[in-house]
């Protein structure tokens, strides 16, 4: 029986908008990604989905199922998206925003803005 490997990785603001920086960073991250060798990989701080697509190109993760956080408009957030790469099909995704977090009772809060989201 083969073991199941699940890993999590904070991508530290994965972003390909600064091409000079991305050219240097990509091969280092790709080597790290290949060493992880996970069946399910949960990722944090993906700033651009295109950077992740570029990073996994040519690796075992290229054909994995992929789900990521989305705005109400159905597009990735501008910064710090969460993502999951899975060797197996992802059959459903539920994104929890503020509905599970109540405002602090000790002060009046007019609006709650949370940058972090759970999938």
N, C-alpha and C. Protein backbone atom coordinates (compact mmCIF):
# COMPACT_ATOMS: atom_id res chain seq x y z
N UNK A 1 0.84 -1.18 0.00
CA UNK A 1 0.00 0.00 0.00
C UNK A 1 0.88 1.24 0.00
N UNK A 2 0.60 2.17 -0.92
CA UNK A 2 1.38 3.40 -1.01
C UNK A 2 0.90 4.42 0.02
N UNK A 3 1.83 5.11 0.66
CA UNK A 3 1.42 6.14 1.62
C UNK A 3 0.83 7.35 0.90
N UNK A 4 -0.05 8.04 1.58
CA UNK A 4 -0.63 9.28 1.08
C UNK A 4 0.19 10.43 1.65
N UNK A 5 0.64 11.32 0.80
CA UNK A 5 1.44 12.46 1.26
C UNK A 5 0.65 13.74 1.04
N UNK A 6 0.40 14.44 2.15
CA UNK A 6 -0.29 15.73 2.11
C UNK A 6 0.69 16.77 2.64
N UNK A 7 0.83 17.87 1.93
CA UNK A 7 1.78 18.91 2.34
C UNK A 7 1.14 20.28 2.23
N UNK A 8 1.67 21.21 2.99
CA UNK A 8 1.27 22.61 2.88
C UNK A 8 2.52 23.44 2.69
N UNK A 9 2.37 24.52 1.93
CA UNK A 9 3.53 25.35 1.62
C UNK A 9 3.09 26.80 1.50
N UNK A 10 3.70 27.67 2.28
CA UNK A 10 3.49 29.11 2.14
C UNK A 10 4.42 29.58 1.02
N UNK A 11 3.83 30.01 -0.08
CA UNK A 11 4.59 30.37 -1.27
C UNK A 11 5.27 31.75 -1.16
N UNK A 12 5.04 32.44 -0.04
CA UNK A 12 5.68 33.74 0.20
C UNK A 12 5.44 34.72 -0.96
N UNK A 13 4.17 35.03 -1.19
CA UNK A 13 3.78 36.00 -2.22
C UNK A 13 4.22 35.58 -3.62
N UNK A 14 3.82 34.38 -4.02
CA UNK A 14 4.15 33.86 -5.35
C UNK A 14 3.58 34.81 -6.40
N UNK A 15 4.45 35.34 -7.24
CA UNK A 15 4.05 36.40 -8.16
C UNK A 15 5.01 36.43 -9.34
N UNK A 16 4.48 36.56 -10.54
CA UNK A 16 5.33 36.64 -11.73
C UNK A 16 5.27 38.00 -12.43
N UNK A 17 4.73 39.01 -11.74
CA UNK A 17 4.59 40.32 -12.38
C UNK A 17 5.92 41.06 -12.51
N UNK A 18 6.87 40.78 -11.64
CA UNK A 18 8.22 41.35 -11.76
C UNK A 18 9.07 40.28 -12.45
N UNK A 19 9.19 40.38 -13.76
CA UNK A 19 9.82 39.34 -14.56
C UNK A 19 11.25 39.05 -14.14
N UNK A 20 12.02 40.07 -13.82
CA UNK A 20 13.42 39.86 -13.44
C UNK A 20 13.51 39.02 -12.16
N UNK A 21 12.68 39.32 -11.21
CA UNK A 21 12.65 38.56 -9.96
C UNK A 21 12.13 37.14 -10.19
N UNK A 22 11.11 37.00 -11.03
CA UNK A 22 10.51 35.70 -11.29
C UNK A 22 11.50 34.76 -11.97
N UNK A 23 12.29 35.28 -12.88
CA UNK A 23 13.29 34.46 -13.59
C UNK A 23 14.28 33.85 -12.60
N UNK A 24 14.64 34.58 -11.57
CA UNK A 24 15.56 34.08 -10.55
C UNK A 24 14.86 33.12 -9.58
N UNK A 25 13.67 33.48 -9.18
CA UNK A 25 12.95 32.72 -8.15
C UNK A 25 12.38 31.39 -8.65
N UNK A 26 11.89 31.36 -9.88
CA UNK A 26 11.18 30.19 -10.41
C UNK A 26 11.99 28.89 -10.34
N UNK A 27 13.24 28.84 -10.81
CA UNK A 27 13.94 27.55 -10.76
C UNK A 27 14.19 27.05 -9.33
N UNK A 28 14.37 27.96 -8.40
CA UNK A 28 14.57 27.58 -7.00
C UNK A 28 13.29 26.97 -6.45
N UNK A 29 12.16 27.64 -6.69
CA UNK A 29 10.88 27.13 -6.22
C UNK A 29 10.52 25.81 -6.89
N UNK A 30 10.84 25.68 -8.17
CA UNK A 30 10.51 24.45 -8.90
C UNK A 30 11.24 23.26 -8.29
N UNK A 31 12.50 23.43 -7.94
CA UNK A 31 13.25 22.34 -7.31
C UNK A 31 12.62 21.96 -5.96
N UNK A 32 12.22 22.96 -5.20
CA UNK A 32 11.58 22.71 -3.91
C UNK A 32 10.25 21.97 -4.12
N UNK A 33 9.49 22.41 -5.09
CA UNK A 33 8.19 21.80 -5.39
C UNK A 33 8.35 20.33 -5.75
N UNK A 34 9.33 20.02 -6.58
CA UNK A 34 9.54 18.64 -6.99
C UNK A 34 9.99 17.76 -5.82
N UNK A 35 10.74 18.33 -4.87
CA UNK A 35 11.17 17.56 -3.69
C UNK A 35 10.01 17.23 -2.77
N UNK A 36 9.00 18.08 -2.73
CA UNK A 36 7.85 17.84 -1.85
C UNK A 36 7.16 16.53 -2.22
N UNK A 37 6.95 16.31 -3.50
CA UNK A 37 6.39 15.05 -4.00
C UNK A 37 5.10 14.64 -3.27
N UNK A 38 4.17 15.57 -3.16
CA UNK A 38 2.91 15.33 -2.43
C UNK A 38 1.80 14.85 -3.36
N UNK A 39 0.85 14.14 -2.77
CA UNK A 39 -0.36 13.75 -3.49
C UNK A 39 -1.40 14.86 -3.44
N UNK A 40 -1.42 15.57 -2.33
CA UNK A 40 -2.27 16.74 -2.15
C UNK A 40 -1.39 17.85 -1.61
N UNK A 41 -1.39 18.98 -2.27
CA UNK A 41 -0.54 20.09 -1.87
C UNK A 41 -1.40 21.33 -1.65
N UNK A 42 -1.39 21.84 -0.43
CA UNK A 42 -2.17 23.03 -0.08
C UNK A 42 -1.21 24.22 -0.04
N UNK A 43 -1.55 25.25 -0.79
CA UNK A 43 -0.65 26.38 -0.99
C UNK A 43 -1.24 27.66 -0.42
N UNK A 44 -0.36 28.50 0.11
CA UNK A 44 -0.76 29.80 0.66
C UNK A 44 0.01 30.90 -0.05
N UNK A 45 -0.56 32.08 -0.07
CA UNK A 45 0.06 33.30 -0.61
C UNK A 45 0.43 33.20 -2.08
N UNK A 46 -0.56 32.81 -2.89
CA UNK A 46 -0.39 32.82 -4.35
C UNK A 46 -0.94 34.17 -4.83
N UNK A 47 -0.06 35.05 -5.25
CA UNK A 47 -0.52 36.36 -5.71
C UNK A 47 -1.02 36.32 -7.15
N UNK A 48 -0.36 35.55 -7.99
CA UNK A 48 -0.83 35.41 -9.38
C UNK A 48 -0.93 33.93 -9.71
N UNK A 49 -2.11 33.54 -10.18
CA UNK A 49 -2.34 32.15 -10.57
C UNK A 49 -1.41 31.79 -11.73
N UNK A 50 -1.12 32.75 -12.58
CA UNK A 50 -0.22 32.50 -13.72
C UNK A 50 1.16 32.06 -13.25
N UNK A 51 1.62 32.57 -12.12
CA UNK A 51 2.93 32.16 -11.59
C UNK A 51 2.88 30.69 -11.18
N UNK A 52 1.79 30.27 -10.55
CA UNK A 52 1.67 28.87 -10.15
C UNK A 52 1.59 27.97 -11.38
N UNK A 53 0.81 28.36 -12.36
CA UNK A 53 0.70 27.57 -13.60
C UNK A 53 2.08 27.42 -14.25
N UNK A 54 2.83 28.51 -14.29
CA UNK A 54 4.18 28.48 -14.85
C UNK A 54 5.10 27.58 -14.01
N UNK A 55 4.98 27.69 -12.70
CA UNK A 55 5.83 26.93 -11.79
C UNK A 55 5.59 25.42 -11.92
N UNK A 56 4.35 25.00 -12.02
CA UNK A 56 4.06 23.56 -12.06
C UNK A 56 4.22 22.96 -13.46
N UNK A 57 4.39 23.80 -14.47
CA UNK A 57 4.57 23.32 -15.84
C UNK A 57 5.78 22.38 -15.91
N UNK A 58 5.57 21.19 -16.46
CA UNK A 58 6.65 20.23 -16.60
C UNK A 58 6.91 19.40 -15.35
N UNK A 59 6.10 19.58 -14.31
CA UNK A 59 6.25 18.79 -13.09
C UNK A 59 5.08 17.81 -12.99
N UNK A 60 5.13 16.93 -12.01
CA UNK A 60 4.03 15.98 -11.80
C UNK A 60 2.73 16.69 -11.46
N UNK A 61 2.82 17.92 -10.94
CA UNK A 61 1.64 18.68 -10.53
C UNK A 61 0.89 19.31 -11.71
N UNK A 62 1.50 19.31 -12.88
CA UNK A 62 0.91 19.96 -14.05
C UNK A 62 -0.49 19.41 -14.37
N UNK A 63 -0.71 18.14 -14.14
CA UNK A 63 -2.00 17.52 -14.45
C UNK A 63 -2.86 17.28 -13.22
N UNK A 64 -2.46 17.82 -12.08
CA UNK A 64 -3.27 17.69 -10.87
C UNK A 64 -4.50 18.57 -10.97
N UNK A 65 -5.54 18.21 -10.24
CA UNK A 65 -6.71 19.07 -10.10
C UNK A 65 -6.28 20.31 -9.31
N UNK A 66 -6.89 21.46 -9.61
CA UNK A 66 -6.51 22.70 -8.94
C UNK A 66 -7.74 23.49 -8.57
N UNK A 67 -7.78 23.94 -7.33
CA UNK A 67 -8.84 24.84 -6.86
C UNK A 67 -8.16 25.98 -6.11
N UNK A 68 -8.75 27.17 -6.20
CA UNK A 68 -8.17 28.32 -5.50
C UNK A 68 -9.28 29.27 -5.04
N UNK A 69 -8.91 30.16 -4.15
CA UNK A 69 -9.87 31.14 -3.65
C UNK A 69 -10.27 32.09 -4.77
N UNK A 70 -11.51 32.60 -4.64
CA UNK A 70 -12.06 33.50 -5.67
C UNK A 70 -12.87 34.60 -5.00
N UNK A 71 -12.92 35.73 -5.67
CA UNK A 71 -13.77 36.82 -5.22
C UNK A 71 -15.23 36.48 -5.54
N UNK A 72 -16.14 37.34 -5.12
CA UNK A 72 -17.55 37.13 -5.46
C UNK A 72 -17.77 37.16 -6.97
N UNK A 73 -16.87 37.82 -7.69
CA UNK A 73 -16.95 37.88 -9.15
C UNK A 73 -16.37 36.61 -9.81
N UNK A 74 -15.84 35.69 -8.99
CA UNK A 74 -15.33 34.44 -9.52
C UNK A 74 -13.91 34.48 -10.03
N UNK A 75 -13.17 35.54 -9.69
CA UNK A 75 -11.77 35.66 -10.13
C UNK A 75 -10.85 35.57 -8.91
N UNK A 76 -9.58 35.23 -9.12
CA UNK A 76 -8.66 35.18 -7.98
C UNK A 76 -8.52 36.56 -7.32
N UNK A 77 -8.23 36.55 -6.03
CA UNK A 77 -7.95 37.79 -5.32
C UNK A 77 -6.65 38.39 -5.85
N UNK A 78 -6.47 39.68 -5.66
CA UNK A 78 -5.26 40.36 -6.15
C UNK A 78 -4.02 39.88 -5.42
N UNK A 79 -4.18 39.47 -4.16
CA UNK A 79 -3.04 39.02 -3.36
C UNK A 79 -3.44 37.83 -2.49
N UNK A 80 -2.46 37.00 -2.17
CA UNK A 80 -2.54 35.95 -1.15
C UNK A 80 -3.71 34.98 -1.28
N UNK A 81 -3.86 34.41 -2.45
CA UNK A 81 -4.85 33.36 -2.65
C UNK A 81 -4.38 32.06 -2.01
N UNK A 82 -5.34 31.22 -1.66
CA UNK A 82 -5.05 29.86 -1.23
C UNK A 82 -5.32 28.94 -2.42
N UNK A 83 -4.59 27.84 -2.49
CA UNK A 83 -4.81 26.90 -3.57
C UNK A 83 -4.59 25.47 -3.11
N UNK A 84 -5.22 24.55 -3.80
CA UNK A 84 -5.03 23.13 -3.53
C UNK A 84 -4.76 22.43 -4.85
N UNK A 85 -3.68 21.67 -4.89
CA UNK A 85 -3.36 20.80 -6.02
C UNK A 85 -3.59 19.38 -5.54
N UNK A 86 -4.36 18.59 -6.28
CA UNK A 86 -4.70 17.25 -5.84
C UNK A 86 -4.52 16.23 -6.96
N UNK A 87 -3.91 15.13 -6.61
CA UNK A 87 -3.74 14.02 -7.53
C UNK A 87 -5.10 13.42 -7.92
N UNK A 88 -6.08 13.57 -7.04
CA UNK A 88 -7.42 13.04 -7.25
C UNK A 88 -8.39 14.16 -7.57
N UNK A 89 -9.54 13.84 -8.15
CA UNK A 89 -10.52 14.87 -8.49
C UNK A 89 -10.97 15.68 -7.27
N UNK A 90 -11.14 16.95 -7.46
CA UNK A 90 -11.72 17.82 -6.45
C UNK A 90 -13.20 17.94 -6.84
N UNK A 91 -14.07 17.33 -6.05
CA UNK A 91 -15.47 17.24 -6.44
C UNK A 91 -16.31 18.42 -5.96
N UNK A 92 -15.84 19.15 -4.96
CA UNK A 92 -16.62 20.28 -4.45
C UNK A 92 -15.68 21.25 -3.74
N UNK A 93 -15.98 22.52 -3.84
CA UNK A 93 -15.20 23.55 -3.15
C UNK A 93 -16.16 24.47 -2.44
N UNK A 94 -15.91 24.72 -1.17
CA UNK A 94 -16.68 25.70 -0.39
C UNK A 94 -15.69 26.68 0.21
N UNK A 95 -15.91 27.92 -0.04
CA UNK A 95 -15.03 28.97 0.45
C UNK A 95 -15.74 29.71 1.58
N UNK A 96 -15.13 29.72 2.75
CA UNK A 96 -15.71 30.38 3.92
C UNK A 96 -15.11 31.76 4.07
N UNK A 97 -15.96 32.76 4.08
CA UNK A 97 -15.48 34.12 4.26
C UNK A 97 -15.75 34.55 5.70
N UNK A 98 -16.57 35.53 5.89
CA UNK A 98 -16.80 36.08 7.22
C UNK A 98 -17.95 35.44 7.96
N UNK A 99 -18.71 34.59 7.30
CA UNK A 99 -19.93 34.10 7.92
C UNK A 99 -19.71 33.24 9.16
N UNK A 100 -18.50 32.74 9.36
CA UNK A 100 -18.23 31.91 10.54
C UNK A 100 -17.56 32.68 11.67
N UNK A 101 -17.27 33.94 11.44
CA UNK A 101 -16.55 34.72 12.44
C UNK A 101 -17.43 35.87 12.92
N UNK A 102 -17.71 35.88 14.20
CA UNK A 102 -18.52 36.95 14.77
C UNK A 102 -17.64 38.12 15.19
N UNK A 103 -18.16 39.34 15.18
CA UNK A 103 -17.35 40.47 15.62
C UNK A 103 -17.08 40.37 17.11
N UNK A 104 -15.98 40.95 17.58
CA UNK A 104 -15.69 40.93 19.02
C UNK A 104 -16.82 41.60 19.79
N UNK A 105 -17.18 41.02 20.92
CA UNK A 105 -18.28 41.54 21.72
C UNK A 105 -17.87 42.75 22.56
N UNK A 106 -16.60 42.96 22.74
CA UNK A 106 -16.14 44.02 23.62
C UNK A 106 -16.02 45.38 22.93
N UNK A 107 -16.26 45.43 21.64
CA UNK A 107 -16.23 46.73 20.96
C UNK A 107 -17.21 46.71 19.79
N UNK A 108 -17.64 47.88 19.42
CA UNK A 108 -18.55 48.00 18.29
C UNK A 108 -17.75 47.93 16.99
N UNK A 109 -18.18 47.07 16.11
CA UNK A 109 -17.50 46.90 14.83
C UNK A 109 -18.51 47.20 13.73
N UNK A 110 -18.15 48.12 12.85
CA UNK A 110 -19.06 48.46 11.76
C UNK A 110 -18.84 47.58 10.53
N UNK A 111 -17.62 47.13 10.36
CA UNK A 111 -17.33 46.26 9.22
C UNK A 111 -16.16 45.37 9.59
N UNK A 112 -16.21 44.16 9.14
CA UNK A 112 -15.10 43.23 9.36
C UNK A 112 -14.51 42.91 7.99
N UNK A 113 -13.23 43.13 7.87
CA UNK A 113 -12.54 42.80 6.64
C UNK A 113 -11.46 41.79 6.96
N UNK A 114 -11.60 40.62 6.40
CA UNK A 114 -10.59 39.57 6.61
C UNK A 114 -9.93 39.26 5.31
N UNK A 115 -8.62 39.26 5.35
CA UNK A 115 -7.88 38.96 4.15
C UNK A 115 -7.73 37.46 3.96
N UNK A 116 -7.65 36.71 5.03
CA UNK A 116 -7.44 35.26 4.95
C UNK A 116 -8.76 34.53 4.79
N UNK A 117 -8.74 33.51 3.99
CA UNK A 117 -9.94 32.75 3.67
C UNK A 117 -9.60 31.28 3.80
N UNK A 118 -10.53 30.49 4.24
CA UNK A 118 -10.37 29.04 4.32
C UNK A 118 -11.12 28.38 3.18
N UNK A 119 -10.55 27.32 2.69
CA UNK A 119 -11.24 26.53 1.66
C UNK A 119 -11.58 25.19 2.22
